[in-house]
């Protein structure tokens, strides 16, 4: 049977398989005092263990302290960052508010002189919209369809030829075609007759239009109508000069009862001009690049509007690449 030894500070306990019961105090145990070497060794072992325990406790305490300090630092940094961000945000909002207030004040100051004009323009637009809604709301489906149709009145044909289509079919638009040489008075006579048919039928006023581009495409001539230069020549004008000129060209149109000019041609010729029969060969475009054509078109439209005349830009994509004449310039 193996030997089991329990060490204590002052006792050495041995158990043996064949020991006499009388020798072991009747319990199989025999106690003897420890000798000096054993006692010293035991004391040294206990001291080393105590030292180790102490060092372990100090190490644990140090780790706990370091972790606690790190957590405290992190919390402090987080609080500082949040405070700093909040302060910066408040400062930014305050600056933005001050800037917005300043801009609003400046805008108000600068806009003050034109507030009245802006209000008048808005009021006028609202009135026109309300009137249009009222007119369309009172139309039948046939009436509305007729407003989408434009009938042609050729020069030399009496206006009465369109009386039935206006009064009975409710056609809402007329285009004056051909070379009208009767001047402003002759055109006005026809326009007044056409408008009377619409009025008698209880229809809105007609849109009466013509192609008055200038150059080779100018359907209305004679007394009171100025000779309009070709679009290429108009392209050589400054935009301010073109706007002013267009306003003067609009005046006789309005006097003659025409309210829409089917112009300008905002085409940009991309091939040899002479080979582009519908546009380039007739100088019907402004003769510039796309940007220049657009700028001059705007000037022309604004000038016409200044004179009380509406405009319609034209034509369609691809026409400036055609090398054949698709339609007569007098019908364009």
C-alpha atoms as a PDB file:
ATOM      1  CA  UNK A   1       0.000   0.000   0.000  1.00  0.00           C
ATOM      2  CA  UNK A   2       1.490   3.400  -0.885  1.00  0.00           C
ATOM      3  CA  UNK A   3       2.793   5.886   1.667  1.00  0.00           C
ATOM      4  CA  UNK A   4       0.687   9.033   2.164  1.00  0.00           C
ATOM      5  CA  UNK A   5       2.421  12.072   3.704  1.00  0.00           C
ATOM      6  CA  UNK A   6       0.592  15.223   4.952  1.00  0.00           C
ATOM      7  CA  UNK A   7       2.911  18.116   5.707  1.00  0.00           C
ATOM      8  CA  UNK A   8       1.974  20.757   8.258  1.00  0.00           C
ATOM      9  CA  UNK A   9       4.025  23.487   9.970  1.00  0.00           C
ATOM     10  CA  UNK A  10       4.976  21.342  12.982  1.00  0.00           C
ATOM     11  CA  UNK A  11       3.635  17.836  12.323  1.00  0.00           C
ATOM     12  CA  UNK A  12       4.658  15.011  10.075  1.00  0.00           C
ATOM     13  CA  UNK A  13       2.004  12.359   9.695  1.00  0.00           C
ATOM     14  CA  UNK A  14       2.826   8.888   8.298  1.00  0.00           C
ATOM     15  CA  UNK A  15       0.501   6.011   7.646  1.00  0.00           C
ATOM     16  CA  UNK A  16       1.867   2.522   7.096  1.00  0.00           C
ATOM     17  CA  UNK A  17       0.022  -0.601   6.142  1.00  0.00           C
ATOM     18  CA  UNK A  18       1.581  -2.899   8.757  1.00  0.00           C
ATOM     19  CA  UNK A  19       2.011  -0.580  11.727  1.00  0.00           C
ATOM     20  CA  UNK A  20       0.845  -1.804  15.156  1.00  0.00           C
ATOM     21  CA  UNK A  21      -2.371  -0.270  16.389  1.00  0.00           C
ATOM     22  CA  UNK A  22      -0.792   0.354  19.821  1.00  0.00           C
ATOM     23  CA  UNK A  23       2.036   2.237  18.207  1.00  0.00           C
ATOM     24  CA  UNK A  24      -0.383   4.541  16.396  1.00  0.00           C
ATOM     25  CA  UNK A  25      -2.592   5.483  19.233  1.00  0.00           C
ATOM     26  CA  UNK A  26      -5.284   3.022  18.254  1.00  0.00           C
ATOM     27  CA  UNK A  27      -6.229   4.965  15.095  1.00  0.00           C
ATOM     28  CA  UNK A  28      -3.538   3.831  12.657  1.00  0.00           C
ATOM     29  CA  UNK A  29      -1.839   7.233  13.015  1.00  0.00           C
ATOM     30  CA  UNK A  30       1.529   7.966  14.528  1.00  0.00           C
ATOM     31  CA  UNK A  31       2.579  11.519  15.279  1.00  0.00           C
ATOM     32  CA  UNK A  32       6.132  12.626  15.861  1.00  0.00           C
ATOM     33  CA  UNK A  33       7.544  16.122  16.237  1.00  0.00           C
ATOM     34  CA  UNK A  34       9.149  17.546  13.087  1.00  0.00           C
ATOM     35  CA  UNK A  35      12.870  17.968  13.172  1.00  0.00           C
ATOM     36  CA  UNK A  36      14.534  21.382  12.678  1.00  0.00           C
ATOM     37  CA  UNK A  37      15.351  21.030   8.944  1.00  0.00           C
ATOM     38  CA  UNK A  38      11.837  20.068   8.063  1.00  0.00           C
ATOM     39  CA  UNK A  39      10.469  22.968  10.081  1.00  0.00           C
ATOM     40  CA  UNK A  40      12.755  25.489   8.391  1.00  0.00           C
ATOM     41  CA  UNK A  41      11.954  24.146   4.940  1.00  0.00           C
ATOM     42  CA  UNK A  42       8.283  24.359   5.609  1.00  0.00           C
ATOM     43  CA  UNK A  43       8.576  27.922   6.847  1.00  0.00           C
ATOM     44  CA  UNK A  44      10.568  28.951   3.744  1.00  0.00           C
ATOM     45  CA  UNK A  45       7.979  27.365   1.451  1.00  0.00           C
ATOM     46  CA  UNK A  46       5.211  29.216   3.176  1.00  0.00           C
ATOM     47  CA  UNK A  47       7.115  32.479   2.884  1.00  0.00           C
ATOM     48  CA  UNK A  48       7.688  32.034  -0.861  1.00  0.00           C
ATOM     49  CA  UNK A  49       4.045  31.204  -1.354  1.00  0.00           C
ATOM     50  CA  UNK A  50       3.005  34.251   0.632  1.00  0.00           C
ATOM     51  CA  UNK A  51       5.321  36.402  -1.484  1.00  0.00           C
ATOM     52  CA  UNK A  52       3.857  34.947  -4.656  1.00  0.00           C
ATOM     53  CA  UNK A  53       0.335  35.576  -3.407  1.00  0.00           C
ATOM     54  CA  UNK A  54       1.237  39.151  -2.518  1.00  0.00           C
ATOM     55  CA  UNK A  55       2.797  39.790  -5.916  1.00  0.00           C
ATOM     56  CA  UNK A  56      -0.257  38.269  -7.613  1.00  0.00           C
ATOM     57  CA  UNK A  57      -2.588  40.492  -5.647  1.00  0.00           C
ATOM     58  CA  UNK A  58      -0.509  43.574  -6.492  1.00  0.00           C
ATOM     59  CA  UNK A  59      -0.481  42.560 -10.171  1.00  0.00           C
ATOM     60  CA  UNK A  60      -4.268  42.147 -10.208  1.00  0.00           C
ATOM     61  CA  UNK A  61      -4.717  45.478  -8.418  1.00  0.00           C
ATOM     62  CA  UNK A  62      -2.461  47.173 -11.000  1.00  0.00           C
ATOM     63  CA  UNK A  63      -4.393  45.673 -13.909  1.00  0.00           C
ATOM     64  CA  UNK A  64      -7.697  46.754 -12.403  1.00  0.00           C
ATOM     65  CA  UNK A  65      -6.341  50.256 -11.863  1.00  0.00           C
ATOM     66  CA  UNK A  66      -5.065  50.513 -15.448  1.00  0.00           C
ATOM     67  CA  UNK A  67      -8.371  49.284 -16.892  1.00  0.00           C
ATOM     68  CA  UNK A  68     -10.349  51.680 -14.722  1.00  0.00           C
ATOM     69  CA  UNK A  69      -8.079  54.549 -15.757  1.00  0.00           C
ATOM     70  CA  UNK A  70      -8.462  53.650 -19.452  1.00  0.00           C
ATOM     71  CA  UNK A  71     -12.246  53.562 -19.127  1.00  0.00           C
ATOM     72  CA  UNK A  72     -12.211  56.917 -17.352  1.00  0.00           C
ATOM     73  CA  UNK A  73     -10.043  58.440 -20.106  1.00  0.00           C
ATOM     74  CA  UNK A  74     -12.332  57.060 -22.835  1.00  0.00           C
ATOM     75  CA  UNK A  75     -15.379  58.472 -21.112  1.00  0.00           C
ATOM     76  CA  UNK A  76     -13.713  61.848 -20.686  1.00  0.00           C
ATOM     77  CA  UNK A  77     -12.675  61.967 -24.356  1.00  0.00           C
ATOM     78  CA  UNK A  78     -16.182  60.961 -25.470  1.00  0.00           C
ATOM     79  CA  UNK A  79     -17.819  63.633 -23.324  1.00  0.00           C
ATOM     80  CA  UNK A  80     -15.387  66.252 -24.628  1.00  0.00           C
ATOM     81  CA  UNK A  81     -15.983  65.236 -28.255  1.00  0.00           C
ATOM     82  CA  UNK A  82     -19.745  65.364 -27.869  1.00  0.00           C
ATOM     83  CA  UNK A  83     -19.574  68.729 -26.153  1.00  0.00           C
ATOM     84  CA  UNK A  84     -17.252  70.095 -28.836  1.00  0.00           C
ATOM     85  CA  UNK A  85     -19.461  68.785 -31.634  1.00  0.00           C
ATOM     86  CA  UNK A  86     -22.566  70.262 -30.042  1.00  0.00           C
ATOM     87  CA  UNK A  87     -20.871  73.619 -29.624  1.00  0.00           C
ATOM     88  CA  UNK A  88     -19.639  73.569 -33.227  1.00  0.00           C
ATOM     89  CA  UNK A  89     -23.098  72.598 -34.483  1.00  0.00           C
ATOM     90  CA  UNK A  90     -24.741  75.400 -32.528  1.00  0.00           C
ATOM     91  CA  UNK A  91     -22.183  77.869 -33.814  1.00  0.00           C
ATOM     92  CA  UNK A  92     -22.749  76.665 -37.384  1.00  0.00           C
ATOM     93  CA  UNK A  93     -26.514  76.994 -37.028  1.00  0.00           C
ATOM     94  CA  UNK A  94     -26.139  80.457 -35.598  1.00  0.00           C
ATOM     95  CA  UNK A  95     -23.845  81.479 -38.461  1.00  0.00           C
ATOM     96  CA  UNK A  96     -26.209  79.977 -41.028  1.00  0.00           C
ATOM     97  CA  UNK A  97     -29.160  81.742 -39.463  1.00  0.00           C
ATOM     98  CA  UNK A  98     -27.316  85.038 -39.475  1.00  0.00           C
ATOM     99  CA  UNK A  99     -26.246  84.481 -43.086  1.00  0.00           C
ATOM    100  CA  UNK A 100     -29.770  83.524 -44.144  1.00  0.00           C
ATOM    101  CA  UNK A 101     -31.177  86.545 -42.370  1.00  0.00           C
ATOM    102  CA  UNK A 102     -28.606  88.751 -44.057  1.00  0.00           C
ATOM    103  CA  UNK A 103     -29.326  87.249 -47.482  1.00  0.00           C
ATOM    104  CA  UNK A 104     -33.049  87.602 -46.931  1.00  0.00           C
ATOM    105  CA  UNK A 105     -32.601  91.214 -45.953  1.00  0.00           C
ATOM    106  CA  UNK A 106     -30.386  91.864 -48.972  1.00  0.00           C
ATOM    107  CA  UNK A 107     -32.805  90.051 -51.259  1.00  0.00           C
ATOM    108  CA  UNK A 108     -35.684  91.997 -49.835  1.00  0.00           C
ATOM    109  CA  UNK A 109     -33.809  95.236 -50.305  1.00  0.00           C
ATOM    110  CA  UNK A 110     -32.805  94.431 -53.867  1.00  0.00           C
ATOM    111  CA  UNK A 111     -36.206  93.010 -54.766  1.00  0.00           C
ATOM    112  CA  UNK A 112     -38.173  95.809 -53.184  1.00  0.00           C
ATOM    113  CA  UNK A 113     -38.267  98.013 -56.288  1.00  0.00           C
ATOM    114  CA  UNK A 114     -39.616  95.162 -58.438  1.00  0.00           C
ATOM    115  CA  UNK A 115     -42.098  93.674 -55.962  1.00  0.00           C
ATOM    116  CA  UNK A 116     -44.969  95.566 -57.528  1.00  0.00           C
ATOM    117  CA  UNK A 117     -44.056  94.431 -61.050  1.00  0.00           C
ATOM    118  CA  UNK A 118     -43.698  90.825 -59.887  1.00  0.00           C
ATOM    119  CA  UNK A 119     -47.079  90.923 -58.181  1.00  0.00           C
ATOM    120  CA  UNK A 120     -48.691  92.377 -61.273  1.00  0.00           C
ATOM    121  CA  UNK A 121     -47.144  89.675 -63.473  1.00  0.00           C
ATOM    122  CA  UNK A 122     -48.320  86.920 -61.132  1.00  0.00           C
ATOM    123  CA  UNK A 123     -51.792  88.404 -60.969  1.00  0.00           C
ATOM    124  CA  UNK A 124     -51.938  88.666 -64.755  1.00  0.00           C
ATOM    125  CA  UNK A 125     -50.874  85.042 -65.163  1.00  0.00           C
ATOM    126  CA  UNK A 126     -53.445  83.893 -62.653  1.00  0.00           C
ATOM    127  CA  UNK A 127     -56.159  85.883 -64.414  1.00  0.00           C
ATOM    128  CA  UNK A 128     -55.199  84.432 -67.802  1.00  0.00           C
ATOM    129  CA  UNK A 129     -55.175  80.896 -66.404  1.00  0.00           C
ATOM    130  CA  UNK A 130     -58.538  81.371 -64.753  1.00  0.00           C
ATOM    131  CA  UNK A 131     -60.002  82.769 -67.969  1.00  0.00           C
ATOM    132  CA  UNK A 132     -58.585  79.890 -70.028  1.00  0.00           C
ATOM    133  CA  UNK A 133     -59.956  77.323 -67.579  1.00  0.00           C
ATOM    134  CA  UNK A 134     -63.349  78.973 -67.724  1.00  0.00           C
ATOM    135  CA  UNK A 135     -63.421  79.004 -71.534  1.00  0.00           C
ATOM    136  CA  UNK A 136     -62.315  75.374 -71.926  1.00  0.00           C
ATOM    137  CA  UNK A 137     -64.669  74.279 -69.163  1.00  0.00           C
ATOM    138  CA  UNK A 138     -67.612  75.627 -71.133  1.00  0.00           C
ATOM    139  CA  UNK A 139     -66.673  73.828 -74.363  1.00  0.00           C
ATOM    140  CA  UNK A 140     -68.127  70.613 -75.709  1.00  0.00           C
ATOM    141  CA  UNK A 141     -65.844  67.857 -76.979  1.00  0.00           C
ATOM    142  CA  UNK A 142     -66.424  69.020 -80.576  1.00  0.00           C
ATOM    143  CA  UNK A 143     -65.527  72.578 -79.582  1.00  0.00           C
ATOM    144  CA  UNK A 144     -62.266  71.417 -78.031  1.00  0.00           C
ATOM    145  CA  UNK A 145     -61.381  69.334 -81.091  1.00  0.00           C
ATOM    146  CA  UNK A 146     -61.999  72.322 -83.344  1.00  0.00           C
ATOM    147  CA  UNK A 147     -59.544  74.404 -81.334  1.00  0.00           C
ATOM    148  CA  UNK A 148     -56.786  72.050 -82.477  1.00  0.00           C
ATOM    149  CA  UNK A 149     -57.414  72.625 -86.194  1.00  0.00           C
ATOM    150  CA  UNK A 150     -55.801  75.397 -88.283  1.00  0.00           C
ATOM    151  CA  UNK A 151     -57.483  76.223 -91.582  1.00  0.00           C
ATOM    152  CA  UNK A 152     -55.651  77.988 -94.416  1.00  0.00           C
ATOM    153  CA  UNK A 153     -56.786  81.176 -96.101  1.00  0.00           C
ATOM    154  CA  UNK A 154     -54.924  81.768 -99.353  1.00  0.00           C
ATOM    155  CA  UNK A 155     -54.311  85.307-100.600  1.00  0.00           C
ATOM    156  CA  UNK A 156     -57.036  86.317-103.064  1.00  0.00           C
ATOM    157  CA  UNK A 157     -59.613  84.066-101.406  1.00  0.00           C
ATOM    158  CA  UNK A 158     -62.423  85.797 -99.556  1.00  0.00           C
ATOM    159  CA  UNK A 159     -62.584  85.259 -95.803  1.00  0.00           C
ATOM    160  CA  UNK A 160     -66.158  84.062 -96.124  1.00  0.00           C
ATOM    161  CA  UNK A 161     -64.832  80.798 -97.565  1.00  0.00           C
ATOM    162  CA  UNK A 162     -63.983  79.790 -93.980  1.00  0.00           C
ATOM    163  CA  UNK A 163     -67.233  80.979 -92.389  1.00  0.00           C
ATOM    164  CA  UNK A 164     -68.844  77.544 -92.261  1.00  0.00           C
ATOM    165  CA  UNK A 165     -65.820  75.700 -90.885  1.00  0.00           C
ATOM    166  CA  UNK A 166     -65.534  78.297 -88.136  1.00  0.00           C
ATOM    167  CA  UNK A 167     -69.213  78.591 -87.236  1.00  0.00           C
ATOM    168  CA  UNK A 168     -70.267  74.976 -87.748  1.00  0.00           C
ATOM    169  CA  UNK A 169     -67.095  72.945 -87.174  1.00  0.00           C
ATOM    170  CA  UNK A 170     -65.718  75.342 -84.580  1.00  0.00           C
ATOM    171  CA  UNK A 171     -62.248  75.597 -86.116  1.00  0.00           C
ATOM    172  CA  UNK A 172     -60.230  77.849 -83.822  1.00  0.00           C
ATOM    173  CA  UNK A 173     -57.201  78.825 -85.918  1.00  0.00           C
ATOM    174  CA  UNK A 174     -56.418  80.282 -89.341  1.00  0.00           C
ATOM    175  CA  UNK A 175     -53.117  80.592 -91.225  1.00  0.00           C
ATOM    176  CA  UNK A 176     -52.692  83.233 -93.932  1.00  0.00           C
ATOM    177  CA  UNK A 177     -50.872  81.658 -96.876  1.00  0.00           C
ATOM    178  CA  UNK A 178     -49.459  83.015-100.118  1.00  0.00           C
ATOM    179  CA  UNK A 179     -48.110  86.442-100.948  1.00  0.00           C
ATOM    180  CA  UNK A 180     -50.432  88.972 -99.386  1.00  0.00           C
ATOM    181  CA  UNK A 181     -49.551  92.274-101.038  1.00  0.00           C
ATOM    182  CA  UNK A 182     -52.586  94.185 -99.810  1.00  0.00           C
ATOM    183  CA  UNK A 183     -50.702  95.760 -96.908  1.00  0.00           C
ATOM    184  CA  UNK A 184     -51.832  96.121 -93.309  1.00  0.00           C
ATOM    185  CA  UNK A 185     -55.332  97.331 -94.207  1.00  0.00           C
ATOM    186  CA  UNK A 186     -56.038  94.464 -96.594  1.00  0.00           C
ATOM    187  CA  UNK A 187     -54.929  91.854 -94.046  1.00  0.00           C
ATOM    188  CA  UNK A 188     -56.844  93.573 -91.253  1.00  0.00           C
ATOM    189  CA  UNK A 189     -60.046  93.442 -93.312  1.00  0.00           C
ATOM    190  CA  UNK A 190     -59.757  89.672 -93.692  1.00  0.00           C
ATOM    191  CA  UNK A 191     -58.792  89.174 -90.047  1.00  0.00           C
ATOM    192  CA  UNK A 192     -61.766  91.179 -88.777  1.00  0.00           C
ATOM    193  CA  UNK A 193     -64.150  89.134 -90.912  1.00  0.00           C
ATOM    194  CA  UNK A 194     -62.698  85.860 -89.610  1.00  0.00           C
ATOM    195  CA  UNK A 195     -62.963  86.977 -85.998  1.00  0.00           C
ATOM    196  CA  UNK A 196     -66.591  87.981 -86.501  1.00  0.00           C
ATOM    197  CA  UNK A 197     -67.482  84.413 -87.501  1.00  0.00           C
ATOM    198  CA  UNK A 198     -65.974  83.063 -84.285  1.00  0.00           C
ATOM    199  CA  UNK A 199     -67.738  85.715 -82.221  1.00  0.00           C
ATOM    200  CA  UNK A 200     -71.126  84.998 -83.802  1.00  0.00           C
ATOM    201  CA  UNK A 201     -70.685  81.286 -82.998  1.00  0.00           C
ATOM    202  CA  UNK A 202     -69.870  82.079 -79.386  1.00  0.00           C
ATOM    203  CA  UNK A 203     -66.310  80.811 -79.783  1.00  0.00           C
ATOM    204  CA  UNK A 204     -63.085  82.236 -78.318  1.00  0.00           C
ATOM    205  CA  UNK A 205     -61.099  84.631 -80.488  1.00  0.00           C
ATOM    206  CA  UNK A 206     -59.215  82.935 -83.321  1.00  0.00           C
ATOM    207  CA  UNK A 207     -55.479  82.493 -83.482  1.00  0.00           C
ATOM    208  CA  UNK A 208     -54.520  84.041 -86.831  1.00  0.00           C
ATOM    209  CA  UNK A 209     -51.008  83.155 -87.879  1.00  0.00           C
ATOM    210  CA  UNK A 210     -48.596  83.578 -90.773  1.00  0.00           C
ATOM    211  CA  UNK A 211     -44.961  82.862 -91.666  1.00  0.00           C
ATOM    212  CA  UNK A 212     -43.176  86.173 -91.321  1.00  0.00           C
ATOM    213  CA  UNK A 213     -39.572  85.011 -90.883  1.00  0.00           C
ATOM    214  CA  UNK A 214     -37.920  87.565 -93.142  1.00  0.00           C
ATOM    215  CA  UNK A 215     -35.882  87.298 -96.322  1.00  0.00           C
ATOM    216  CA  UNK A 216     -37.501  84.931 -98.809  1.00  0.00           C
ATOM    217  CA  UNK A 217     -40.180  83.819 -96.339  1.00  0.00           C
ATOM    218  CA  UNK A 218     -42.392  86.839 -95.681  1.00  0.00           C
ATOM    219  CA  UNK A 219     -46.026  86.261 -96.571  1.00  0.00           C
ATOM    220  CA  UNK A 220     -47.355  89.720 -95.706  1.00  0.00           C
ATOM    221  CA  UNK A 221     -46.078  92.678 -97.682  1.00  0.00           C
ATOM    222  CA  UNK A 222     -47.375  95.975 -98.966  1.00  0.00           C
ATOM    223  CA  UNK A 223     -48.197  99.236 -97.238  1.00  0.00           C
ATOM    224  CA  UNK A 224     -47.376  99.214 -93.557  1.00  0.00           C
ATOM    225  CA  UNK A 225     -45.240  96.076 -93.571  1.00  0.00           C
ATOM    226  CA  UNK A 226     -41.482  96.577 -93.310  1.00  0.00           C
ATOM    227  CA  UNK A 227     -39.099  94.430 -95.288  1.00  0.00           C
ATOM    228  CA  UNK A 228     -37.581  91.996 -92.805  1.00  0.00           C
ATOM    229  CA  UNK A 229     -33.988  90.864 -93.436  1.00  0.00           C
ATOM    230  CA  UNK A 230     -33.222  87.174 -93.801  1.00  0.00           C
ATOM    231  CA  UNK A 231     -32.483  85.110 -90.714  1.00  0.00           C
ATOM    232  CA  UNK A 232     -28.804  84.927 -91.690  1.00  0.00           C
ATOM    233  CA  UNK A 233     -28.670  88.723 -91.613  1.00  0.00           C
ATOM    234  CA  UNK A 234     -30.509  88.707 -88.294  1.00  0.00           C
ATOM    235  CA  UNK A 235     -27.809  86.365 -87.008  1.00  0.00           C
ATOM    236  CA  UNK A 236     -25.227  89.080 -87.637  1.00  0.00           C
ATOM    237  CA  UNK A 237     -27.066  91.443 -85.269  1.00  0.00           C
ATOM    238  CA  UNK A 238     -26.423  91.556 -81.549  1.00  0.00           C
ATOM    239  CA  UNK A 239     -29.180  89.914 -79.521  1.00  0.00           C
ATOM    240  CA  UNK A 240     -30.261  93.299 -78.158  1.00  0.00           C
ATOM    241  CA  UNK A 241     -30.491  94.768 -81.642  1.00  0.00           C
ATOM    242  CA  UNK A 242     -32.452  91.754 -82.881  1.00  0.00           C
ATOM    243  CA  UNK A 243     -34.936  91.979 -80.009  1.00  0.00           C
ATOM    244  CA  UNK A 244     -35.557  95.646 -80.712  1.00  0.00           C
ATOM    245  CA  UNK A 245     -35.964  94.982 -84.441  1.00  0.00           C
ATOM    246  CA  UNK A 246     -38.370  92.073 -83.843  1.00  0.00           C
ATOM    247  CA  UNK A 247     -40.557  94.321 -81.697  1.00  0.00           C
ATOM    248  CA  UNK A 248     -40.804  96.804 -84.590  1.00  0.00           C
ATOM    249  CA  UNK A 249     -41.676  93.976 -87.031  1.00  0.00           C
ATOM    250  CA  UNK A 250     -44.418  92.823 -84.642  1.00  0.00           C
ATOM    251  CA  UNK A 251     -46.219  96.173 -84.673  1.00  0.00           C
ATOM    252  CA  UNK A 252     -47.751  95.912 -88.201  1.00  0.00           C
ATOM    253  CA  UNK A 253     -48.676  92.280 -87.561  1.00  0.00           C
ATOM    254  CA  UNK A 254     -50.723  93.314 -84.546  1.00  0.00           C
ATOM    255  CA  UNK A 255     -52.339  96.157 -86.499  1.00  0.00           C
ATOM    256  CA  UNK A 256     -53.370  93.722 -89.223  1.00  0.00           C
ATOM    257  CA  UNK A 257     -55.042  91.336 -86.790  1.00  0.00           C
ATOM    258  CA  UNK A 258     -52.351  88.643 -86.876  1.00  0.00           C
ATOM    259  CA  UNK A 259     -51.482  87.419 -83.374  1.00  0.00           C
ATOM    260  CA  UNK A 260     -48.977  84.572 -84.016  1.00  0.00           C
ATOM    261  CA  UNK A 261     -45.830  84.629 -86.146  1.00  0.00           C
ATOM    262  CA  UNK A 262     -44.745  81.121 -87.162  1.00  0.00           C
ATOM    263  CA  UNK A 263     -41.093  82.001 -86.690  1.00  0.00           C
ATOM    264  CA  UNK A 264     -38.177  81.848 -86.065  1.00  0.00           C
ATOM    265  CA  UNK A 265     -36.475  78.889 -87.729  1.00  0.00           C
ATOM    266  CA  UNK A 266     -34.139  77.551 -85.068  1.00  0.00           C
ATOM    267  CA  UNK A 267     -32.409  75.103 -87.409  1.00  0.00           C
ATOM    268  CA  UNK A 268     -28.656  74.498 -87.339  1.00  0.00           C
ATOM    269  CA  UNK A 269     -27.400  73.512 -90.783  1.00  0.00           C
ATOM    270  CA  UNK A 270     -24.835  70.727 -90.535  1.00  0.00           C
ATOM    271  CA  UNK A 271     -24.068  70.204 -94.229  1.00  0.00           C
ATOM    272  CA  UNK A 272     -23.090  72.499 -97.098  1.00  0.00           C
ATOM    273  CA  UNK A 273     -25.610  75.352 -96.947  1.00  0.00           C
ATOM    274  CA  UNK A 274     -26.231  75.436-100.700  1.00  0.00           C
ATOM    275  CA  UNK A 275     -27.087  71.724-100.724  1.00  0.00           C
ATOM    276  CA  UNK A 276     -29.638  72.078 -97.894  1.00  0.00           C
ATOM    277  CA  UNK A 277     -32.566  73.203-100.047  1.00  0.00           C
ATOM    278  CA  UNK A 278     -35.268  73.779 -97.369  1.00  0.00           C
ATOM    279  CA  UNK A 279     -33.189  75.914 -94.973  1.00  0.00           C
ATOM    280  CA  UNK A 280     -29.555  76.653 -95.762  1.00  0.00           C
ATOM    281  CA  UNK A 281     -30.015  77.530 -99.442  1.00  0.00           C
ATOM    282  CA  UNK A 282     -32.747  80.029 -98.501  1.00  0.00           C
ATOM    283  CA  UNK A 283     -30.906  81.596 -95.516  1.00  0.00           C
ATOM    284  CA  UNK A 284     -33.806  80.726 -93.224  1.00  0.00           C
ATOM    285  CA  UNK A 285     -31.581  79.947 -90.227  1.00  0.00           C
ATOM    286  CA  UNK A 286     -29.448  82.397 -88.251  1.00  0.00           C
ATOM    287  CA  UNK A 287     -26.309  80.876 -89.778  1.00  0.00           C
ATOM    288  CA  UNK A 288     -24.658  80.268 -86.412  1.00  0.00           C
ATOM    289  CA  UNK A 289     -23.811  77.284 -84.257  1.00  0.00           C
ATOM    290  CA  UNK A 290     -26.467  75.746 -82.027  1.00  0.00           C
ATOM    291  CA  UNK A 291     -25.707  78.075 -79.124  1.00  0.00           C
ATOM    292  CA  UNK A 292     -25.749  81.201 -81.286  1.00  0.00           C
ATOM    293  CA  UNK A 293     -28.937  80.127 -83.053  1.00  0.00           C
ATOM    294  CA  UNK A 294     -30.641  79.543 -79.703  1.00  0.00           C
ATOM    295  CA  UNK A 295     -29.599  82.926 -78.300  1.00  0.00           C
ATOM    296  CA  UNK A 296     -30.832  84.769 -81.401  1.00  0.00           C
ATOM    297  CA  UNK A 297     -34.067  82.792 -81.410  1.00  0.00           C
ATOM    298  CA  UNK A 298     -34.739  83.889 -77.835  1.00  0.00           C
ATOM    299  CA  UNK A 299     -34.090  87.509 -78.800  1.00  0.00           C
ATOM    300  CA  UNK A 300     -36.484  87.252 -81.756  1.00  0.00           C
ATOM    301  CA  UNK A 301     -39.226  85.660 -79.623  1.00  0.00           C
ATOM    302  CA  UNK A 302     -38.850  88.233 -76.856  1.00  0.00           C
ATOM    303  CA  UNK A 303     -39.007  91.066 -79.382  1.00  0.00           C
ATOM    304  CA  UNK A 304     -42.210  89.682 -80.880  1.00  0.00           C
ATOM    305  CA  UNK A 305     -43.663  89.333 -77.409  1.00  0.00           C
ATOM    306  CA  UNK A 306     -42.738  92.927 -76.662  1.00  0.00           C
ATOM    307  CA  UNK A 307     -44.867  93.868 -79.673  1.00  0.00           C
ATOM    308  CA  UNK A 308     -47.805  91.721 -78.552  1.00  0.00           C
ATOM    309  CA  UNK A 309     -47.247  88.821 -80.960  1.00  0.00           C
ATOM    310  CA  UNK A 310     -46.793  85.126 -80.102  1.00  0.00           C
ATOM    311  CA  UNK A 311     -44.119  82.998 -81.773  1.00  0.00           C
ATOM    312  CA  UNK A 312     -43.592  79.364 -82.785  1.00  0.00           C
ATOM    313  CA  UNK A 313     -40.124  77.897 -83.174  1.00  0.00           C
ATOM    314  CA  UNK A 314     -39.473  75.452 -86.014  1.00  0.00           C
ATOM    315  CA  UNK A 315     -38.728  73.039 -87.692  1.00  0.00           C
ATOM    316  CA  UNK A 316     -38.142  69.388 -86.915  1.00  0.00           C
ATOM    317  CA  UNK A 317     -34.892  67.414 -86.434  1.00  0.00           C
ATOM    318  CA  UNK A 318     -33.283  66.296 -89.680  1.00  0.00           C
ATOM    319  CA  UNK A 319     -34.583  69.023 -91.968  1.00  0.00           C
ATOM    320  CA  UNK A 320     -31.171  70.707 -91.979  1.00  0.00           C
ATOM    321  CA  UNK A 321     -29.599  67.531 -93.433  1.00  0.00           C
ATOM    322  CA  UNK A 322     -32.039  67.223 -96.339  1.00  0.00           C
ATOM    323  CA  UNK A 323     -30.623  67.782 -99.825  1.00  0.00           C
ATOM    324  CA  UNK A 324     -33.969  68.032-101.610  1.00  0.00           C
ATOM    325  CA  UNK A 325     -36.809  70.505-101.393  1.00  0.00           C
ATOM    326  CA  UNK A 326     -39.636  68.888 -99.461  1.00  0.00           C
ATOM    327  CA  UNK A 327     -42.030  71.826 -99.484  1.00  0.00           C
ATOM    328  CA  UNK A 328     -42.236  75.219-101.096  1.00  0.00           C
ATOM    329  CA  UNK A 329     -40.696  77.970 -98.968  1.00  0.00           C
ATOM    330  CA  UNK A 330     -43.923  79.912 -99.437  1.00  0.00           C
ATOM    331  CA  UNK A 331     -45.755  77.126 -97.594  1.00  0.00           C
ATOM    332  CA  UNK A 332     -43.241  76.732 -94.798  1.00  0.00           C
END
